[in-house]
Amino acid sequence: MSNTLMQELQPLPEQIAALLIERKETVAIAESSAGGLISAALLSVPGASAYFLGGAIVYTRTSRTTLLDIPESALEGIRPSTEAYALLLARAALGRFNTTWTIAETGATGPTGNRYGDAPGHACFAVAGPSERSRTLETASADRYANMQAFAAGALSLLLETLQAH
């Protein structure tokens, strides 16, 4: 991961860390297309062990079942790469990690779309905890690396907004 990427993301995790530490709250991550960038950004802040309890890269059905204990039956009526699916991941991570907050991300980084019909640059985020929020992002880009960066920034932004509103 480049220093430039971390520098671009840095203001978000620093603000998130400050709020979580001040409130003695914790967070866990369930990310997919961001590939660990959300977790890496949060862990880049000194003192992260005070608030970061863990993360899962839920990139496949196997990882979703193994890491978050989400059975196939829980997906009935929910299509992956949607806000509803991101909320399912966030809620599962909340229970699995027993944290105050979780953020989940799912999407299609590119250079092609995903098997569910979403174009590259499509991502959905959800925060679960004392309050819940979700959001969809469309970058309209097929640049995989740029999308991963945008997805991490989008997820962190949603988490920060939720923390500030709560």
Protein backbone atom coordinates (compact mmCIF):
# COMPACT_ATOMS: atom_id res chain seq x y z
CA MET A 1 0.00 0.00 0.00
CA SER A 2 1.42 3.34 -0.96
CA ASN A 3 2.11 6.17 1.44
CA THR A 4 0.03 8.40 -0.82
CA LEU A 5 -3.04 6.23 -0.33
CA MET A 6 -2.66 6.20 3.43
CA GLN A 7 -2.09 9.97 3.48
CA GLU A 8 -5.28 10.52 1.45
CA LEU A 9 -7.32 8.34 3.80
CA GLN A 10 -5.63 9.48 7.04
CA PRO A 11 -7.93 12.29 8.15
CA LEU A 12 -10.91 9.90 8.25
CA PRO A 13 -9.44 7.18 10.50
CA GLU A 14 -7.87 9.79 12.77
CA GLN A 15 -11.27 11.41 13.37
CA ILE A 16 -12.94 8.02 13.80
CA ALA A 17 -10.26 6.90 16.27
CA ALA A 18 -10.61 10.07 18.33
CA LEU A 19 -14.37 9.60 18.68
CA LEU A 20 -14.16 5.89 19.47
CA ILE A 21 -11.40 6.35 22.05
CA GLU A 22 -13.18 9.29 23.70
CA ARG A 23 -16.40 7.25 23.98
CA LYS A 24 -14.64 3.96 24.84
CA GLU A 25 -16.36 2.32 21.87
CA THR A 26 -15.09 -0.37 19.51
CA VAL A 27 -15.36 -1.22 15.83
CA ALA A 28 -14.98 -4.24 13.57
CA ILE A 29 -14.94 -4.42 9.79
CA ALA A 30 -16.50 -6.74 7.19
CA GLU A 31 -15.12 -5.71 3.84
CA SER A 32 -15.09 -7.30 0.44
CA SER A 33 -13.98 -5.33 -2.59
CA ALA A 34 -11.87 -2.90 -0.54
CA GLY A 35 -9.64 -5.88 0.20
CA GLY A 36 -8.49 -4.83 3.66
CA LEU A 37 -7.95 -1.12 2.99
CA ILE A 38 -10.64 -0.09 5.48
CA SER A 39 -9.00 -2.13 8.23
CA ALA A 40 -5.52 -0.94 7.24
CA ALA A 41 -6.60 2.69 7.40
CA LEU A 42 -8.07 2.28 10.89
CA LEU A 43 -5.01 0.35 12.06
CA SER A 44 -2.67 3.08 10.77
CA VAL A 45 -3.67 5.31 13.70
CA PRO A 46 -1.44 4.83 16.78
CA GLY A 47 -3.44 3.33 19.64
CA ALA A 48 -5.75 1.36 17.35
CA SER A 49 -5.87 -1.53 19.80
CA ALA A 50 -8.09 0.64 22.02
CA TYR A 51 -10.94 0.56 19.48
CA PHE A 52 -10.25 -1.87 16.61
CA LEU A 53 -11.30 -5.42 17.48
CA GLY A 54 -10.81 -7.05 14.09
CA GLY A 55 -11.89 -7.38 10.54
CA ALA A 56 -12.88 -9.91 7.95
CA ILE A 57 -12.36 -9.82 4.22
CA VAL A 58 -15.57 -11.45 3.07
CA TYR A 59 -14.79 -11.91 -0.61
CA THR A 60 -16.43 -15.30 -1.23
CA ARG A 61 -19.34 -17.42 -0.01
CA THR A 62 -16.85 -19.56 1.87
CA SER A 63 -15.37 -16.58 3.72
CA ARG A 64 -18.83 -15.19 4.47
CA THR A 65 -19.89 -18.50 6.04
CA THR A 66 -16.61 -19.20 7.81
CA LEU A 67 -15.76 -15.73 9.13
CA LEU A 68 -19.19 -14.26 9.81
CA ASP A 69 -21.25 -17.44 10.26
CA ILE A 70 -23.90 -16.27 7.79
CA PRO A 71 -25.85 -19.25 6.45
CA GLU A 72 -27.11 -19.31 2.85
CA SER A 73 -30.68 -19.19 4.21
CA ALA A 74 -29.99 -15.67 5.56
CA LEU A 75 -29.59 -14.45 1.98
CA GLU A 76 -33.16 -15.28 1.00
CA GLY A 77 -34.50 -12.22 -0.77
CA ILE A 78 -31.17 -10.37 -0.52
CA ARG A 79 -28.88 -9.92 -3.51
CA PRO A 80 -25.14 -9.41 -2.88
CA SER A 81 -23.70 -5.97 -3.63
CA THR A 82 -26.74 -4.14 -2.27
CA GLU A 83 -27.30 -1.99 0.79
CA ALA A 84 -29.42 -4.79 2.30
CA TYR A 85 -26.52 -7.23 1.85
CA ALA A 86 -24.03 -4.76 3.35
CA LEU A 87 -26.35 -4.36 6.34
CA LEU A 88 -26.54 -8.16 6.70
CA LEU A 89 -22.71 -8.28 6.78
CA ALA A 90 -22.50 -5.39 9.25
CA ARG A 91 -25.03 -6.93 11.61
CA ALA A 92 -23.31 -10.32 11.44
CA ALA A 93 -19.91 -8.74 12.19
CA LEU A 94 -21.46 -6.81 15.09
CA GLY A 95 -22.52 -10.05 16.70
CA ARG A 96 -19.41 -12.00 15.73
CA PHE A 97 -16.93 -9.44 17.10
CA ASN A 98 -19.18 -8.10 19.89
CA THR A 99 -18.29 -4.49 19.13
CA THR A 100 -20.11 -1.20 19.52
CA TRP A 101 -19.98 -0.51 15.76
CA THR A 102 -19.28 -2.30 12.50
CA ILE A 103 -18.86 -1.13 8.95
CA ALA A 104 -19.43 -3.43 6.00
CA GLU A 105 -18.57 -2.93 2.32
CA THR A 106 -19.49 -4.91 -0.78
CA GLY A 107 -19.14 -4.09 -4.46
CA ALA A 108 -17.50 -4.50 -7.85
CA THR A 109 -14.03 -3.01 -8.16
CA GLY A 110 -13.41 -3.70 -11.83
CA PRO A 111 -12.16 -3.80 -14.44
CA THR A 112 -15.47 -5.58 -15.16
CA GLY A 113 -18.71 -5.70 -13.25
CA ASN A 114 -19.75 -8.47 -10.90
CA ARG A 115 -21.87 -11.53 -11.60
CA TYR A 116 -24.93 -9.78 -10.14
CA GLY A 117 -25.06 -7.20 -12.92
CA ASP A 118 -23.41 -4.29 -11.16
CA ALA A 119 -21.01 -2.14 -13.16
CA PRO A 120 -17.42 -1.67 -12.01
CA GLY A 121 -17.22 1.10 -9.45
CA HIS A 122 -20.43 0.03 -7.67
CA ALA A 123 -20.21 -0.31 -3.89
CA CYS A 124 -22.58 -0.47 -0.96
CA PHE A 125 -21.73 0.31 2.67
CA ALA A 126 -23.58 -0.19 5.92
CA VAL A 127 -22.89 0.72 9.53
CA ALA A 128 -24.47 -1.28 12.34
CA GLY A 129 -24.46 -0.49 16.04
CA PRO A 130 -26.49 1.86 18.22
CA SER A 131 -27.76 3.33 14.93
CA GLU A 132 -27.65 2.05 11.36
CA ARG A 133 -27.01 3.67 8.01
CA SER A 134 -26.32 2.48 4.50
CA ARG A 135 -25.21 4.10 1.26
CA THR A 136 -24.45 3.23 -2.36
CA LEU A 137 -21.49 4.64 -4.30
CA GLU A 138 -21.07 4.61 -8.07
CA THR A 139 -17.66 5.78 -9.28
CA ALA A 140 -18.34 5.06 -13.00
CA SER A 141 -14.73 3.88 -13.22
CA ALA A 142 -13.25 0.52 -14.20
CA ASP A 143 -9.94 1.29 -12.43
CA ARG A 144 -9.72 -1.47 -9.83
CA TYR A 145 -7.15 0.19 -7.57
CA ALA A 146 -8.86 3.60 -7.66
CA ASN A 147 -12.18 1.92 -6.85
CA MET A 148 -10.68 0.06 -3.90
CA GLN A 149 -9.43 3.41 -2.62
CA ALA A 150 -12.81 5.08 -3.21
CA PHE A 151 -14.64 2.20 -1.51
CA ALA A 152 -12.42 2.44 1.58
CA ALA A 153 -12.91 6.22 1.73
CA GLY A 154 -16.66 5.83 1.25
CA ALA A 155 -16.97 3.27 4.04
CA LEU A 156 -14.86 5.34 6.43
CA SER A 157 -16.87 8.47 5.60
CA LEU A 158 -20.14 6.70 6.36
CA LEU A 159 -18.76 5.42 9.65
CA LEU A 160 -17.54 8.89 10.63
CA GLU A 161 -20.88 10.50 9.71
CA THR A 162 -22.75 7.88 11.74
CA LEU A 163 -20.50 8.37 14.76
CA GLN A 164 -20.85 12.15 14.57
CA ALA A 165 -24.65 11.93 14.30
CA HIS A 166 -25.01 9.50 17.19
